[in-house]
Amino acid sequence: MIGVQAPGGSRDGPTIARSPAAGGRTRAGMPQPRRQAPWVGAEPPVVPVVVAGAVALLGSAFVEILLLRTLGVLTGIVLVAVAVGTALTVRERDLFTAGVLAPLLLVGVLMVVATVRPAGIAVTELDAAASAPQRVISGFVDLAGALVVAHGLALAIVALRSRVARLRRRRTSELVERGAIAPRRRL
């Protein structure tokens, strides 16, 4: 049994016994508060999520260049997956990053590809002697469909998560006002 401070109790006051075997519920049957995202199980910091997304997109771009000699569908699919995965995974306070990640990540990957392997961005109307900025812009336009889908889905998920968080905060404050739960202590 784990001792937990009862609502309104002091640090040395009464505690409620909570059994880990009871599925995270108190003896009174009240659910134990969760601090994890229900769809993932945990909310990692934004930096590792962004780095993992960048590595995944860059890796898929180079695999596609090795196999097909140019960027295309695989890079677009991975861009959508990274944008959606980031929006679902990051903490609530990092949702802005998830909302703006897709275009920034695509530009970064296109800049790397245009520098390392310029022929990897091969748009039909693009001159073979085109500069790196021209290739980045052409690649951005070429992958615009995937970017619109990725960015749209990411923004929709961010809006949904923000709405759910706002409703959860409102419900929690109502429960605190009624005395049903103890206010959360800030560290």
C-alpha atoms as a PDB file:
ATOM      1  CA  MET A   1       0.000   0.000   0.000  1.00  0.00           C
ATOM      2  CA  ILE A   2       1.157   3.491  -0.795  1.00  0.00           C
ATOM      3  CA  GLY A   3       0.150   6.329   1.519  1.00  0.00           C
ATOM      4  CA  VAL A   4      -1.324   9.336  -0.251  1.00  0.00           C
ATOM      5  CA  GLN A   5      -2.331  12.589   1.360  1.00  0.00           C
ATOM      6  CA  ALA A   6      -6.090  12.933   1.695  1.00  0.00           C
ATOM      7  CA  PRO A   7      -7.810  16.067   0.394  1.00  0.00           C
ATOM      8  CA  GLY A   8      -7.572  18.753   3.042  1.00  0.00           C
ATOM      9  CA  GLY A   9      -5.126  16.704   5.131  1.00  0.00           C
ATOM     10  CA  SER A  10      -1.748  17.943   6.227  1.00  0.00           C
ATOM     11  CA  ARG A  11       1.549  16.326   5.457  1.00  0.00           C
ATOM     12  CA  ASP A  12       1.427  14.424   8.737  1.00  0.00           C
ATOM     13  CA  GLY A  13      -2.375  14.089   8.672  1.00  0.00           C
ATOM     14  CA  PRO A  14      -4.569  11.265   7.430  1.00  0.00           C
ATOM     15  CA  THR A  15      -3.633   9.369   4.298  1.00  0.00           C
ATOM     16  CA  ILE A  16      -5.595   7.175   1.923  1.00  0.00           C
ATOM     17  CA  ALA A  17      -4.208   3.727   1.233  1.00  0.00           C
ATOM     18  CA  ARG A  18      -3.743   3.149  -2.467  1.00  0.00           C
ATOM     19  CA  SER A  19      -3.121  -0.347  -3.735  1.00  0.00           C
ATOM     20  CA  PRO A  20      -1.037  -0.814  -6.907  1.00  0.00           C
ATOM     21  CA  ALA A  21      -2.917  -4.071  -7.463  1.00  0.00           C
ATOM     22  CA  ALA A  22      -6.214  -2.165  -7.598  1.00  0.00           C
ATOM     23  CA  GLY A  23      -5.391  -0.801 -11.034  1.00  0.00           C
ATOM     24  CA  GLY A  24      -4.401   2.667  -9.835  1.00  0.00           C
ATOM     25  CA  ARG A  25      -7.609   3.200  -7.847  1.00  0.00           C
ATOM     26  CA  THR A  26      -7.974   4.202  -4.240  1.00  0.00           C
ATOM     27  CA  ARG A  27      -9.827   1.965  -1.809  1.00  0.00           C
ATOM     28  CA  ALA A  28     -12.792   4.288  -2.151  1.00  0.00           C
ATOM     29  CA  GLY A  29     -12.894   3.477  -5.872  1.00  0.00           C
ATOM     30  CA  MET A  30     -11.800   6.934  -7.034  1.00  0.00           C
ATOM     31  CA  PRO A  31      -9.454   6.829 -10.021  1.00  0.00           C
ATOM     32  CA  GLN A  32      -5.883   7.845  -9.399  1.00  0.00           C
ATOM     33  CA  PRO A  33      -4.935  11.054 -11.268  1.00  0.00           C
ATOM     34  CA  ARG A  34      -2.933  10.385 -14.437  1.00  0.00           C
ATOM     35  CA  ARG A  35      -0.084  12.526 -15.652  1.00  0.00           C
ATOM     36  CA  GLN A  36       0.428  10.688 -18.904  1.00  0.00           C
ATOM     37  CA  ALA A  37      -1.042  11.179 -22.337  1.00  0.00           C
ATOM     38  CA  PRO A  38      -3.645   8.444 -22.737  1.00  0.00           C
ATOM     39  CA  TRP A  39      -2.759   7.803 -26.405  1.00  0.00           C
ATOM     40  CA  VAL A  40       0.967   7.334 -25.874  1.00  0.00           C
ATOM     41  CA  GLY A  41       1.605   6.421 -22.280  1.00  0.00           C
ATOM     42  CA  ALA A  42       4.125   9.199 -21.627  1.00  0.00           C
ATOM     43  CA  GLU A  43       4.963  12.674 -22.821  1.00  0.00           C
ATOM     44  CA  PRO A  44       8.660  13.060 -23.657  1.00  0.00           C
ATOM     45  CA  PRO A  45      10.393  16.432 -23.905  1.00  0.00           C
ATOM     46  CA  VAL A  46      10.144  18.144 -27.281  1.00  0.00           C
ATOM     47  CA  VAL A  47      13.858  18.056 -28.219  1.00  0.00           C
ATOM     48  CA  PRO A  48      14.186  14.248 -28.496  1.00  0.00           C
ATOM     49  CA  VAL A  49      10.906  14.090 -30.411  1.00  0.00           C
ATOM     50  CA  VAL A  50      12.045  16.720 -32.915  1.00  0.00           C
ATOM     51  CA  VAL A  51      15.469  15.098 -33.291  1.00  0.00           C
ATOM     52  CA  ALA A  52      13.869  11.689 -33.893  1.00  0.00           C
ATOM     53  CA  GLY A  53      11.547  13.217 -36.490  1.00  0.00           C
ATOM     54  CA  ALA A  54      14.434  14.959 -38.249  1.00  0.00           C
ATOM     55  CA  VAL A  55      16.501  11.763 -38.302  1.00  0.00           C
ATOM     56  CA  ALA A  56      13.533   9.763 -39.628  1.00  0.00           C
ATOM     57  CA  LEU A  57      12.780  12.267 -42.393  1.00  0.00           C
ATOM     58  CA  LEU A  58      16.420  12.705 -43.363  1.00  0.00           C
ATOM     59  CA  GLY A  59      16.944   8.932 -43.351  1.00  0.00           C
ATOM     60  CA  SER A  60      13.900   8.316 -45.524  1.00  0.00           C
ATOM     61  CA  ALA A  61      15.018  11.051 -47.922  1.00  0.00           C
ATOM     62  CA  PHE A  62      18.427   9.455 -48.379  1.00  0.00           C
ATOM     63  CA  VAL A  63      16.951   5.955 -48.725  1.00  0.00           C
ATOM     64  CA  GLU A  64      14.600   7.277 -51.403  1.00  0.00           C
ATOM     65  CA  ILE A  65      17.474   9.028 -53.182  1.00  0.00           C
ATOM     66  CA  LEU A  66      19.520   5.802 -53.114  1.00  0.00           C
ATOM     67  CA  LEU A  67      16.629   3.713 -54.449  1.00  0.00           C
ATOM     68  CA  LEU A  68      14.855   6.096 -56.833  1.00  0.00           C
ATOM     69  CA  ARG A  69      17.538   8.791 -57.305  1.00  0.00           C
ATOM     70  CA  THR A  70      15.104  11.581 -56.316  1.00  0.00           C
ATOM     71  CA  LEU A  71      12.784  12.659 -53.507  1.00  0.00           C
ATOM     72  CA  GLY A  72       9.135  11.719 -53.806  1.00  0.00           C
ATOM     73  CA  VAL A  73       6.317   9.746 -52.206  1.00  0.00           C
ATOM     74  CA  LEU A  74       8.286   8.074 -49.395  1.00  0.00           C
ATOM     75  CA  THR A  75       9.558  11.411 -48.109  1.00  0.00           C
ATOM     76  CA  GLY A  76       6.023  12.802 -48.218  1.00  0.00           C
ATOM     77  CA  ILE A  77       4.583   9.846 -46.298  1.00  0.00           C
ATOM     78  CA  VAL A  78       7.302  10.057 -43.639  1.00  0.00           C
ATOM     79  CA  LEU A  79       6.733  13.829 -43.354  1.00  0.00           C
ATOM     80  CA  VAL A  80       3.039  13.215 -42.613  1.00  0.00           C
ATOM     81  CA  ALA A  81       3.878  10.475 -40.101  1.00  0.00           C
ATOM     82  CA  VAL A  82       6.459  12.648 -38.306  1.00  0.00           C
ATOM     83  CA  ALA A  83       4.116  15.658 -38.130  1.00  0.00           C
ATOM     84  CA  VAL A  84       1.213  13.578 -36.763  1.00  0.00           C
ATOM     85  CA  GLY A  85       3.458  11.622 -34.385  1.00  0.00           C
ATOM     86  CA  THR A  86       5.000  14.795 -33.006  1.00  0.00           C
ATOM     87  CA  ALA A  87       1.610  16.436 -32.473  1.00  0.00           C
ATOM     88  CA  LEU A  88       0.391  13.359 -30.592  1.00  0.00           C
ATOM     89  CA  THR A  89       3.529  12.835 -28.537  1.00  0.00           C
ATOM     90  CA  VAL A  90       4.817  16.157 -27.209  1.00  0.00           C
ATOM     91  CA  ARG A  91       3.796  17.733 -23.915  1.00  0.00           C
ATOM     92  CA  GLU A  92       0.939  20.179 -23.810  1.00  0.00           C
ATOM     93  CA  ARG A  93       3.274  23.151 -23.380  1.00  0.00           C
ATOM     94  CA  ASP A  94       5.218  22.098 -26.512  1.00  0.00           C
ATOM     95  CA  LEU A  95       2.227  22.016 -28.866  1.00  0.00           C
ATOM     96  CA  PHE A  96       3.366  25.190 -30.660  1.00  0.00           C
ATOM     97  CA  THR A  97       6.511  23.372 -31.770  1.00  0.00           C
ATOM     98  CA  ALA A  98       4.430  20.485 -33.097  1.00  0.00           C
ATOM     99  CA  GLY A  99       2.274  22.932 -35.024  1.00  0.00           C
ATOM    100  CA  VAL A 100       5.139  24.602 -36.875  1.00  0.00           C
ATOM    101  CA  LEU A 101       7.457  21.594 -37.211  1.00  0.00           C
ATOM    102  CA  ALA A 102       6.404  20.176 -40.608  1.00  0.00           C
ATOM    103  CA  PRO A 103       7.405  23.100 -42.868  1.00  0.00           C
ATOM    104  CA  LEU A 104      10.590  23.815 -40.918  1.00  0.00           C
ATOM    105  CA  LEU A 105      11.613  20.165 -40.976  1.00  0.00           C
ATOM    106  CA  LEU A 106      10.944  19.886 -44.701  1.00  0.00           C
ATOM    107  CA  VAL A 107      13.011  22.997 -45.474  1.00  0.00           C
ATOM    108  CA  GLY A 108      15.858  21.691 -43.294  1.00  0.00           C
ATOM    109  CA  VAL A 109      15.906  18.304 -45.013  1.00  0.00           C
ATOM    110  CA  LEU A 110      15.704  19.917 -48.463  1.00  0.00           C
ATOM    111  CA  MET A 111      18.649  22.199 -47.568  1.00  0.00           C
ATOM    112  CA  VAL A 112      20.736  19.186 -46.532  1.00  0.00           C
ATOM    113  CA  VAL A 113      19.798  17.238 -49.664  1.00  0.00           C
ATOM    114  CA  ALA A 114      20.445  20.258 -51.918  1.00  0.00           C
ATOM    115  CA  THR A 115      23.889  20.642 -50.368  1.00  0.00           C
ATOM    116  CA  VAL A 116      24.961  16.988 -50.157  1.00  0.00           C
ATOM    117  CA  ARG A 117      23.243  15.483 -53.212  1.00  0.00           C
ATOM    118  CA  PRO A 118      21.785  18.231 -55.464  1.00  0.00           C
ATOM    119  CA  ALA A 119      20.552  15.720 -58.065  1.00  0.00           C
ATOM    120  CA  GLY A 120      18.265  14.263 -55.375  1.00  0.00           C
ATOM    121  CA  ILE A 121      15.875  17.167 -55.890  1.00  0.00           C
ATOM    122  CA  ALA A 122      15.003  16.598 -59.512  1.00  0.00           C
ATOM    123  CA  VAL A 123      11.958  18.519 -60.654  1.00  0.00           C
ATOM    124  CA  THR A 124      11.149  18.205 -64.366  1.00  0.00           C
ATOM    125  CA  GLU A 125      11.455  21.910 -65.202  1.00  0.00           C
ATOM    126  CA  LEU A 126      14.561  22.429 -63.048  1.00  0.00           C
ATOM    127  CA  ASP A 127      17.792  23.254 -64.838  1.00  0.00           C
ATOM    128  CA  ALA A 128      20.675  20.868 -64.129  1.00  0.00           C
ATOM    129  CA  ALA A 129      22.873  23.832 -63.125  1.00  0.00           C
ATOM    130  CA  ALA A 130      20.334  25.186 -60.605  1.00  0.00           C
ATOM    131  CA  SER A 131      21.703  26.543 -57.335  1.00  0.00           C
ATOM    132  CA  ALA A 132      20.953  25.082 -53.904  1.00  0.00           C
ATOM    133  CA  PRO A 133      18.306  27.715 -53.004  1.00  0.00           C
ATOM    134  CA  GLN A 134      16.536  27.073 -56.331  1.00  0.00           C
ATOM    135  CA  ARG A 135      16.558  23.340 -55.612  1.00  0.00           C
ATOM    136  CA  VAL A 136      15.189  23.869 -52.094  1.00  0.00           C
ATOM    137  CA  ILE A 137      12.321  25.990 -53.419  1.00  0.00           C
ATOM    138  CA  SER A 138      11.607  23.484 -56.203  1.00  0.00           C
ATOM    139  CA  GLY A 139      11.633  20.575 -53.757  1.00  0.00           C
ATOM    140  CA  PHE A 140       9.359  22.501 -51.392  1.00  0.00           C
ATOM    141  CA  VAL A 141       6.872  23.105 -54.210  1.00  0.00           C
ATOM    142  CA  ASP A 142       7.184  19.497 -55.396  1.00  0.00           C
ATOM    143  CA  LEU A 143       6.343  18.163 -51.902  1.00  0.00           C
ATOM    144  CA  ALA A 144       3.659  20.803 -51.236  1.00  0.00           C
ATOM    145  CA  GLY A 145       0.818  18.259 -51.269  1.00  0.00           C
ATOM    146  CA  ALA A 146       2.414  16.154 -48.543  1.00  0.00           C
ATOM    147  CA  LEU A 147       3.263  19.319 -46.600  1.00  0.00           C
ATOM    148  CA  VAL A 148      -0.339  20.564 -46.711  1.00  0.00           C
ATOM    149  CA  VAL A 149      -1.619  17.189 -45.448  1.00  0.00           C
ATOM    150  CA  ALA A 150       1.070  16.951 -42.744  1.00  0.00           C
ATOM    151  CA  HIS A 151       0.623  20.506 -41.530  1.00  0.00           C
ATOM    152  CA  GLY A 152      -3.179  20.307 -41.638  1.00  0.00           C
ATOM    153  CA  LEU A 153      -3.283  17.086 -39.610  1.00  0.00           C
ATOM    154  CA  ALA A 154      -0.733  18.398 -37.115  1.00  0.00           C
ATOM    155  CA  LEU A 155      -2.684  21.628 -36.593  1.00  0.00           C
ATOM    156  CA  ALA A 156      -5.955  19.715 -36.210  1.00  0.00           C
ATOM    157  CA  ILE A 157      -4.389  17.461 -33.564  1.00  0.00           C
ATOM    158  CA  VAL A 158      -2.869  20.458 -31.776  1.00  0.00           C
ATOM    159  CA  ALA A 159      -6.272  22.200 -31.729  1.00  0.00           C
ATOM    160  CA  LEU A 160      -7.982  19.061 -30.423  1.00  0.00           C
ATOM    161  CA  ARG A 161      -5.381  18.503 -27.703  1.00  0.00           C
ATOM    162  CA  SER A 162      -5.598  22.150 -26.649  1.00  0.00           C
ATOM    163  CA  ARG A 163      -9.377  21.933 -26.416  1.00  0.00           C
ATOM    164  CA  VAL A 164      -9.249  18.701 -24.383  1.00  0.00           C
ATOM    165  CA  ALA A 165      -6.619  20.188 -22.047  1.00  0.00           C
ATOM    166  CA  ARG A 166      -8.747  23.296 -21.525  1.00  0.00           C
ATOM    167  CA  LEU A 167     -11.806  21.175 -20.705  1.00  0.00           C
ATOM    168  CA  ARG A 168      -9.750  19.000 -18.355  1.00  0.00           C
ATOM    169  CA  ARG A 169      -8.410  22.062 -16.514  1.00  0.00           C
ATOM    170  CA  ARG A 170     -11.925  23.491 -16.204  1.00  0.00           C
ATOM    171  CA  ARG A 171     -13.282  20.196 -14.841  1.00  0.00           C
ATOM    172  CA  THR A 172     -10.395  19.877 -12.380  1.00  0.00           C
ATOM    173  CA  SER A 173     -10.916  23.426 -11.094  1.00  0.00           C
ATOM    174  CA  GLU A 174     -14.634  22.702 -10.608  1.00  0.00           C
ATOM    175  CA  LEU A 175     -13.785  19.560  -8.617  1.00  0.00           C
ATOM    176  CA  VAL A 176     -11.309  21.510  -6.481  1.00  0.00           C
ATOM    177  CA  GLU A 177     -13.916  24.198  -5.811  1.00  0.00           C
ATOM    178  CA  ARG A 178     -16.424  21.565  -4.699  1.00  0.00           C
ATOM    179  CA  GLY A 179     -13.812  19.942  -2.482  1.00  0.00           C
ATOM    180  CA  ALA A 180     -13.985  16.633  -4.326  1.00  0.00           C
ATOM    181  CA  ILE A 181     -10.214  16.630  -4.894  1.00  0.00           C
ATOM    182  CA  ALA A 182      -7.261  18.388  -3.314  1.00  0.00           C
ATOM    183  CA  PRO A 183      -5.642  21.256  -5.218  1.00  0.00           C
ATOM    184  CA  ARG A 184      -2.467  20.354  -7.031  1.00  0.00           C
ATOM    185  CA  ARG A 185       0.702  21.633  -5.404  1.00  0.00           C
ATOM    186  CA  ARG A 186       3.181  23.513  -7.556  1.00  0.00           C
ATOM    187  CA  LEU A 187       6.823  22.682  -6.998  1.00  0.00           C
END
